[in-house]
């Protein structure tokens, strides 16, 4: 599955609650990932927003590292 097909039923920018649901993780875990930069995000008006591209990279790594691993 490529990025183009990744979570196609969701908007391009996700709320932390949506990512929490997608990953089946708790509120503290998602906010911990966001606060320490494990999951990249942007802040808009002081609130976290996660572009789908960042979630894709979090789950699958970036294209360069996938190519080095033969994926």
N, C-alpha and C. Protein backbone atom coordinates (compact mmCIF):
# COMPACT_ATOMS: atom_id res chain seq x y z
N UNK A 1 0.84 -1.18 0.00
CA UNK A 1 0.00 0.00 0.00
C UNK A 1 0.89 1.24 0.00
N UNK A 2 0.63 2.13 -0.91
CA UNK A 2 1.37 3.37 -0.98
C UNK A 2 0.65 4.48 -0.22
N UNK A 3 1.33 5.59 -0.12
CA UNK A 3 0.77 6.73 0.60
C UNK A 3 -0.56 7.19 0.00
N UNK A 4 -0.70 7.09 -1.31
CA UNK A 4 -1.92 7.56 -1.97
C UNK A 4 -3.16 6.84 -1.46
N UNK A 5 -3.02 5.59 -1.06
CA UNK A 5 -4.15 4.80 -0.58
C UNK A 5 -4.28 4.81 0.95
N UNK A 6 -3.32 5.39 1.63
CA UNK A 6 -3.26 5.36 3.08
C UNK A 6 -4.40 6.16 3.70
N UNK A 7 -5.25 5.50 4.45
CA UNK A 7 -6.36 6.14 5.18
C UNK A 7 -7.18 7.07 4.28
N UNK A 8 -7.56 6.59 3.13
CA UNK A 8 -8.23 7.45 2.16
C UNK A 8 -9.60 7.95 2.63
N UNK A 9 -10.16 7.34 3.66
CA UNK A 9 -11.45 7.79 4.18
C UNK A 9 -11.32 8.92 5.21
N UNK A 10 -10.09 9.33 5.48
CA UNK A 10 -9.83 10.40 6.45
C UNK A 10 -9.36 11.66 5.73
N UNK A 11 -9.52 12.80 6.40
CA UNK A 11 -9.00 14.07 5.89
C UNK A 11 -7.48 14.02 5.86
N UNK A 12 -6.87 14.94 5.13
CA UNK A 12 -5.41 14.98 5.00
C UNK A 12 -4.72 15.39 6.29
N UNK A 13 -5.42 16.08 7.17
CA UNK A 13 -4.88 16.49 8.46
C UNK A 13 -5.76 15.88 9.55
N UNK A 14 -5.13 15.15 10.47
CA UNK A 14 -5.87 14.40 11.47
C UNK A 14 -5.79 15.05 12.85
N UNK A 15 -6.81 14.83 13.64
CA UNK A 15 -6.82 15.24 15.04
C UNK A 15 -6.15 14.15 15.87
N UNK A 16 -5.59 14.52 17.02
CA UNK A 16 -5.00 13.49 17.88
C UNK A 16 -5.99 12.36 18.23
N UNK A 17 -7.25 12.71 18.42
CA UNK A 17 -8.26 11.71 18.76
C UNK A 17 -8.45 10.71 17.61
N UNK A 18 -8.34 11.18 16.37
CA UNK A 18 -8.46 10.27 15.22
C UNK A 18 -7.27 9.32 15.16
N UNK A 19 -6.08 9.85 15.38
CA UNK A 19 -4.87 9.01 15.37
C UNK A 19 -4.94 8.00 16.52
N UNK A 20 -5.41 8.43 17.65
CA UNK A 20 -5.58 7.56 18.80
C UNK A 20 -6.49 6.38 18.43
N UNK A 21 -7.58 6.66 17.74
CA UNK A 21 -8.52 5.62 17.32
C UNK A 21 -7.89 4.70 16.27
N UNK A 22 -7.20 5.28 15.30
CA UNK A 22 -6.57 4.51 14.23
C UNK A 22 -5.55 3.54 14.80
N UNK A 23 -4.73 4.02 15.74
CA UNK A 23 -3.65 3.21 16.30
C UNK A 23 -4.07 2.36 17.51
N UNK A 24 -5.29 2.58 18.00
CA UNK A 24 -5.79 1.85 19.18
C UNK A 24 -4.85 2.06 20.38
N UNK A 25 -4.57 3.33 20.63
CA UNK A 25 -3.72 3.67 21.77
C UNK A 25 -4.45 4.69 22.64
N UNK A 26 -3.97 4.86 23.85
CA UNK A 26 -4.60 5.77 24.80
C UNK A 26 -4.24 7.23 24.58
N UNK A 27 -4.99 8.08 25.25
CA UNK A 27 -4.80 9.52 25.14
C UNK A 27 -3.41 9.94 25.62
N UNK A 28 -2.96 9.40 26.74
CA UNK A 28 -1.64 9.77 27.25
C UNK A 28 -0.54 9.35 26.29
N UNK A 29 -0.70 8.21 25.66
CA UNK A 29 0.31 7.72 24.71
C UNK A 29 0.41 8.63 23.50
N UNK A 30 -0.71 8.99 22.90
CA UNK A 30 -0.67 9.83 21.70
C UNK A 30 -0.09 11.20 22.04
N UNK A 31 -0.51 11.78 23.15
CA UNK A 31 0.01 13.10 23.51
C UNK A 31 1.49 13.03 23.91
N UNK A 32 1.92 11.91 24.45
CA UNK A 32 3.34 11.72 24.72
C UNK A 32 4.15 11.67 23.44
N UNK A 33 3.65 10.92 22.45
CA UNK A 33 4.32 10.85 21.14
C UNK A 33 4.42 12.23 20.51
N UNK A 34 3.35 13.02 20.63
CA UNK A 34 3.33 14.35 20.03
C UNK A 34 4.27 15.30 20.78
N UNK A 35 4.25 15.25 22.08
CA UNK A 35 5.07 16.16 22.90
C UNK A 35 6.56 15.91 22.71
N UNK A 36 6.97 14.64 22.60
CA UNK A 36 8.41 14.37 22.48
C UNK A 36 8.89 14.26 21.03
N UNK A 37 7.98 14.44 20.07
CA UNK A 37 8.37 14.45 18.67
C UNK A 37 8.47 13.07 18.04
N UNK A 38 8.11 12.02 18.78
CA UNK A 38 8.10 10.68 18.20
C UNK A 38 7.19 10.64 16.98
N UNK A 39 6.04 11.28 17.10
CA UNK A 39 5.11 11.47 15.98
C UNK A 39 5.12 12.95 15.65
N UNK A 40 5.61 13.29 14.46
CA UNK A 40 5.68 14.70 14.06
C UNK A 40 4.27 15.27 13.92
N UNK A 41 4.16 16.55 14.18
CA UNK A 41 2.87 17.23 14.09
C UNK A 41 3.12 18.71 13.85
N UNK A 42 2.04 19.43 13.65
CA UNK A 42 2.09 20.89 13.61
C UNK A 42 1.09 21.38 14.65
N UNK A 43 1.36 22.55 15.18
CA UNK A 43 0.41 23.15 16.12
C UNK A 43 -0.27 24.31 15.42
N UNK A 44 -1.58 24.29 15.46
CA UNK A 44 -2.39 25.36 14.90
C UNK A 44 -3.26 25.88 16.03
N UNK A 45 -3.11 27.16 16.31
CA UNK A 45 -3.84 27.79 17.42
C UNK A 45 -3.63 27.01 18.72
N UNK A 46 -2.40 26.52 18.91
CA UNK A 46 -2.06 25.82 20.14
C UNK A 46 -2.54 24.38 20.23
N UNK A 47 -3.09 23.85 19.14
CA UNK A 47 -3.61 22.48 19.14
C UNK A 47 -2.85 21.63 18.14
N UNK A 48 -2.59 20.39 18.53
CA UNK A 48 -1.87 19.47 17.65
C UNK A 48 -2.73 19.07 16.45
N UNK A 49 -2.09 19.04 15.29
CA UNK A 49 -2.68 18.50 14.07
C UNK A 49 -1.63 17.61 13.43
N UNK A 50 -2.06 16.48 12.91
CA UNK A 50 -1.12 15.50 12.36
C UNK A 50 -1.45 15.27 10.89
N UNK A 51 -0.62 15.79 9.98
CA UNK A 51 -0.82 15.48 8.57
C UNK A 51 -0.69 13.97 8.36
N UNK A 52 -1.51 13.42 7.48
CA UNK A 52 -1.46 11.98 7.22
C UNK A 52 -0.06 11.53 6.81
N UNK A 53 0.66 12.38 6.10
CA UNK A 53 2.02 12.04 5.70
C UNK A 53 2.89 11.74 6.92
N UNK A 54 2.75 12.52 7.98
CA UNK A 54 3.53 12.30 9.20
C UNK A 54 3.16 10.98 9.86
N UNK A 55 1.87 10.65 9.87
CA UNK A 55 1.46 9.37 10.44
C UNK A 55 1.99 8.22 9.60
N UNK A 56 1.94 8.37 8.28
CA UNK A 56 2.49 7.35 7.37
C UNK A 56 3.98 7.14 7.65
N UNK A 57 4.72 8.23 7.78
CA UNK A 57 6.15 8.13 8.07
C UNK A 57 6.40 7.50 9.43
N UNK A 58 5.57 7.81 10.40
CA UNK A 58 5.69 7.23 11.74
C UNK A 58 5.54 5.71 11.67
N UNK A 59 4.58 5.25 10.89
CA UNK A 59 4.29 3.82 10.81
C UNK A 59 5.24 3.05 9.89
N UNK A 60 5.60 3.66 8.77
CA UNK A 60 6.33 2.93 7.74
C UNK A 60 7.73 3.47 7.48
N UNK A 61 8.13 4.54 8.14
CA UNK A 61 9.44 5.15 7.88
C UNK A 61 9.37 6.00 6.62
N UNK A 62 10.45 6.72 6.36
CA UNK A 62 10.46 7.55 5.15
C UNK A 62 10.85 6.71 3.95
N UNK A 63 10.60 7.22 2.77
CA UNK A 63 10.86 6.49 1.53
C UNK A 63 12.32 6.08 1.40
N UNK A 64 13.22 6.95 1.81
CA UNK A 64 14.65 6.67 1.67
C UNK A 64 15.06 5.45 2.50
N UNK A 65 14.61 5.39 3.75
CA UNK A 65 14.99 4.25 4.58
C UNK A 65 14.30 2.97 4.13
N UNK A 66 13.09 3.07 3.58
CA UNK A 66 12.41 1.88 3.05
C UNK A 66 13.14 1.35 1.83
N UNK A 67 13.66 2.23 0.97
CA UNK A 67 14.38 1.79 -0.21
C UNK A 67 15.68 1.09 0.19
N UNK A 68 16.35 1.58 1.22
CA UNK A 68 17.60 0.96 1.68
C UNK A 68 17.33 -0.44 2.23
N UNK A 69 16.15 -0.64 2.81
CA UNK A 69 15.80 -1.94 3.36
C UNK A 69 15.16 -2.85 2.33
N UNK A 70 15.00 -2.36 1.09
CA UNK A 70 14.42 -3.18 0.02
C UNK A 70 12.91 -3.28 0.06
N UNK A 71 12.25 -2.32 0.67
CA UNK A 71 10.78 -2.36 0.74
C UNK A 71 10.17 -1.54 -0.36
